[in-house]
Protein backbone atom coordinates (compact mmCIF):
# COMPACT_ATOMS: atom_id res chain seq x y z
CA UNK A 1 25.95 15.74 -13.47
CA UNK A 2 24.72 19.09 -14.82
CA UNK A 3 21.34 20.38 -13.64
CA UNK A 4 19.79 20.12 -17.13
CA UNK A 5 21.07 16.55 -17.60
CA UNK A 6 19.91 15.62 -14.08
CA UNK A 7 16.54 17.29 -14.76
CA UNK A 8 16.06 15.23 -17.93
CA UNK A 9 17.06 12.07 -16.07
CA UNK A 10 14.73 12.76 -13.14
CA UNK A 11 11.98 13.77 -15.55
CA UNK A 12 12.23 10.41 -17.34
CA UNK A 13 12.30 8.69 -13.95
CA UNK A 14 9.22 10.62 -12.88
CA UNK A 15 7.39 9.53 -16.03
CA UNK A 16 8.35 5.91 -15.31
CA UNK A 17 7.08 6.22 -11.73
CA UNK A 18 3.71 7.48 -12.91
CA UNK A 19 3.57 4.74 -15.53
CA UNK A 20 4.24 2.03 -12.93
CA UNK A 21 1.55 3.35 -10.61
CA UNK A 22 -1.03 3.51 -13.34
CA UNK A 23 -0.18 0.34 -15.27
CA UNK A 24 -2.40 -1.93 -13.18
CA UNK A 25 -5.41 0.34 -13.57
CA UNK A 26 -4.84 1.71 -17.06
CA UNK A 27 -8.44 0.98 -18.03
CA UNK A 28 -9.66 3.38 -15.33
CA UNK A 29 -7.62 6.43 -16.28
CA UNK A 30 -4.82 7.37 -18.62
CA UNK A 31 -1.84 8.98 -16.89
CA UNK A 32 -0.51 12.29 -18.14
CA UNK A 33 3.21 12.90 -18.29
CA UNK A 34 4.49 14.94 -15.37
CA UNK A 35 5.11 18.63 -15.77
CA UNK A 36 8.02 20.12 -13.91
CA UNK A 37 6.84 22.77 -11.46
CA UNK A 38 10.41 23.88 -10.86
CA UNK A 39 13.95 23.01 -9.81
CA UNK A 40 15.04 24.13 -6.36
CA UNK A 41 18.66 23.49 -5.39
CA UNK A 42 19.03 19.70 -5.42
CA UNK A 43 15.27 18.99 -5.60
CA UNK A 44 12.71 19.09 -8.41
CA UNK A 45 8.93 19.35 -8.18
CA UNK A 46 6.50 17.68 -10.62
CA UNK A 47 2.76 17.42 -11.24
CA UNK A 48 0.91 14.84 -13.33
CA UNK A 49 -1.89 12.30 -13.12
CA UNK A 50 -2.10 8.58 -12.47
CA UNK A 51 -4.99 6.21 -11.86
CA UNK A 52 -5.76 7.98 -8.57
CA UNK A 53 -5.95 11.43 -10.16
CA UNK A 54 -3.55 14.32 -9.66
CA UNK A 55 -0.16 13.37 -8.26
CA UNK A 56 2.59 15.77 -7.28
CA UNK A 57 6.01 15.05 -5.90
CA UNK A 58 9.45 16.39 -5.16
CA UNK A 59 12.39 14.17 -6.03
CA UNK A 60 16.16 14.07 -5.64
CA UNK A 61 19.04 11.70 -6.31
CA UNK A 62 21.74 11.03 -3.71
CA UNK A 63 24.96 13.04 -3.71
CA UNK A 64 26.98 10.05 -2.50
CA UNK A 65 26.37 6.29 -2.66
CA UNK A 66 28.34 3.76 -0.62
CA UNK A 67 29.69 1.38 -1.59
CA UNK A 68 30.27 3.35 -4.76
CA UNK A 69 30.99 0.22 -6.80
CA UNK A 70 27.72 -1.57 -5.90
CA UNK A 71 25.60 -2.38 -8.97
CA UNK A 72 22.28 -0.59 -8.54
CA UNK A 73 19.45 0.79 -10.60
CA UNK A 74 17.71 4.15 -10.13
CA UNK A 75 18.12 5.63 -6.64
CA UNK A 76 16.02 8.53 -5.36
CA UNK A 77 14.13 10.00 -2.43
CA UNK A 78 10.65 11.32 -3.13
CA UNK A 79 7.87 13.11 -1.24
CA UNK A 80 4.44 12.60 -2.89
CA UNK A 81 0.98 14.14 -2.64
CA UNK A 82 -2.32 12.80 -4.07
CA UNK A 83 -4.94 15.48 -3.27
CA UNK A 84 -7.89 13.33 -4.39
CA UNK A 85 -6.84 10.50 -2.06
CA UNK A 86 -6.11 12.69 0.95
CA UNK A 87 -2.39 11.85 0.85
CA UNK A 88 0.01 14.73 1.50
CA UNK A 89 3.78 14.73 1.88
CA UNK A 90 4.35 10.95 1.84
CA UNK A 91 8.10 10.24 1.82
CA UNK A 92 9.41 7.17 -0.01
CA UNK A 93 12.67 5.70 -1.20
CA UNK A 94 13.65 3.84 -4.35
CA UNK A 95 16.94 2.14 -3.44
CA UNK A 96 18.07 0.64 -6.77
CA UNK A 97 18.10 -3.03 -5.66
CA UNK A 98 15.70 -5.47 -3.96
CA UNK A 99 15.87 -5.06 -0.18
CA UNK A 100 16.64 -8.10 1.94
CA UNK A 101 13.34 -9.82 2.80
CA UNK A 102 12.06 -8.69 6.19
CA UNK A 103 14.60 -5.89 6.47
CA UNK A 104 13.97 -2.23 7.23
CA UNK A 105 15.62 0.90 5.90
CA UNK A 106 16.76 3.77 8.09
CA UNK A 107 16.56 7.47 7.35
CA UNK A 108 18.65 9.80 9.46
CA UNK A 109 18.08 13.53 9.25
CA UNK A 110 19.42 15.94 11.82
CA UNK A 111 19.14 14.28 15.24
CA UNK A 112 16.15 12.17 14.13
CA UNK A 113 16.12 8.59 12.89
CA UNK A 114 13.20 6.89 11.12
CA UNK A 115 12.62 3.20 10.37
CA UNK A 116 10.90 2.37 7.08
CA UNK A 117 9.35 -0.90 5.97
CA UNK A 118 10.65 -2.28 2.70
CA UNK A 119 9.11 -4.07 -0.25
CA UNK A 120 11.14 -5.06 -3.31
CA UNK A 121 13.18 -1.90 -4.06
CA UNK A 122 11.01 0.64 -2.19
CA UNK A 123 10.63 1.82 1.40
CA UNK A 124 7.94 3.78 3.28
CA UNK A 125 7.12 4.90 6.80
CA UNK A 126 4.59 2.87 8.79
CA UNK A 127 2.78 5.73 10.53
CA UNK A 128 1.33 8.95 9.12
CA UNK A 129 2.58 11.07 12.08
CA UNK A 130 6.13 9.95 11.24
CA UNK A 131 5.68 11.32 7.71
CA UNK A 132 5.05 14.81 9.08
CA UNK A 133 7.98 14.53 11.50
CA UNK A 134 10.33 13.39 8.72
CA UNK A 135 9.27 16.18 6.36
CA UNK A 136 9.65 18.77 9.15
CA UNK A 137 13.13 17.41 9.96
CA UNK A 138 14.05 17.59 6.26
CA UNK A 139 13.01 21.26 6.14
CA UNK A 140 15.23 22.00 9.16
CA UNK A 141 18.34 20.08 8.05
CA UNK A 142 20.97 20.18 5.35
CA UNK A 143 21.47 16.46 4.75
CA UNK A 144 19.60 13.16 4.84
CA UNK A 145 21.12 9.67 4.99
CA UNK A 146 19.43 6.42 3.93
CA UNK A 147 20.77 3.01 4.96
CA UNK A 148 19.50 -0.30 3.65
CA UNK A 149 20.46 -3.95 3.20
CA UNK A 150 20.27 -5.59 -0.21
CA UNK A 151 18.92 -9.07 -0.79
CA UNK A 152 22.56 -10.09 -1.39
CA UNK A 153 23.63 -8.74 2.03
CA UNK A 154 25.26 -5.48 0.94
CA UNK A 155 24.73 -2.56 3.34
CA UNK A 156 24.34 0.69 1.41
CA UNK A 157 24.44 4.27 2.60
CA UNK A 158 23.11 7.08 0.40
CA UNK A 159 23.48 10.74 1.34
CA UNK A 160 21.12 13.39 -0.03
CA UNK A 161 21.48 17.14 0.02
CA UNK A 162 18.41 18.92 1.36
CA UNK A 163 19.34 22.17 -0.39
CA UNK A 164 16.10 23.49 -1.89
CA UNK A 165 13.74 21.00 -0.18
CA UNK A 166 11.70 23.71 1.59
CA UNK A 167 11.17 25.70 -1.62
CA UNK A 168 10.32 22.50 -3.53
CA UNK A 169 7.78 21.42 -0.91
CA UNK A 170 6.27 24.92 -0.85
CA UNK A 171 5.89 24.79 -4.65
CA UNK A 172 4.33 21.33 -4.32
CA UNK A 173 1.74 22.64 -1.85
CA UNK A 174 1.01 25.65 -4.06
CA UNK A 175 0.81 23.76 -7.35
CA UNK A 176 -0.93 20.54 -6.29
CA UNK A 177 -4.57 21.30 -5.69
């Protein structure tokens, strides 16, 4: 997929993400569409608002998805920051299918492995210190792998390029105040 086509696709996805987060509290604040802060290799940085205030994130789609024929929705890895809520560099996954109830997802980057709790089609780390370790490992590596089990029992493996992640995260820190 070309960078401009991928950028438009991720931009629409980013708008949908903000809309989902703000839908439940729409009476409190109106979200603003995200503005792209830049594209960096295989990662893009955005800034917008949701019900919690300013939200910034970097986002990427996987380079490979196994099994390739599995029917799935949107798949991405994201690192988010909400300055007003004291949240910085929170990694999360949108896997494109409902996870198997009670299952975990695994992220492997470099020599490190991280276990994430799952809910519906998303996954997050349990402990804040693990967030910092994962982001540091991402900055030092070239590839990240996500494994998860669908509600139907399909094991998936998605591989992401980390080309540009450091520049994207630096732009996030600079532009999200």
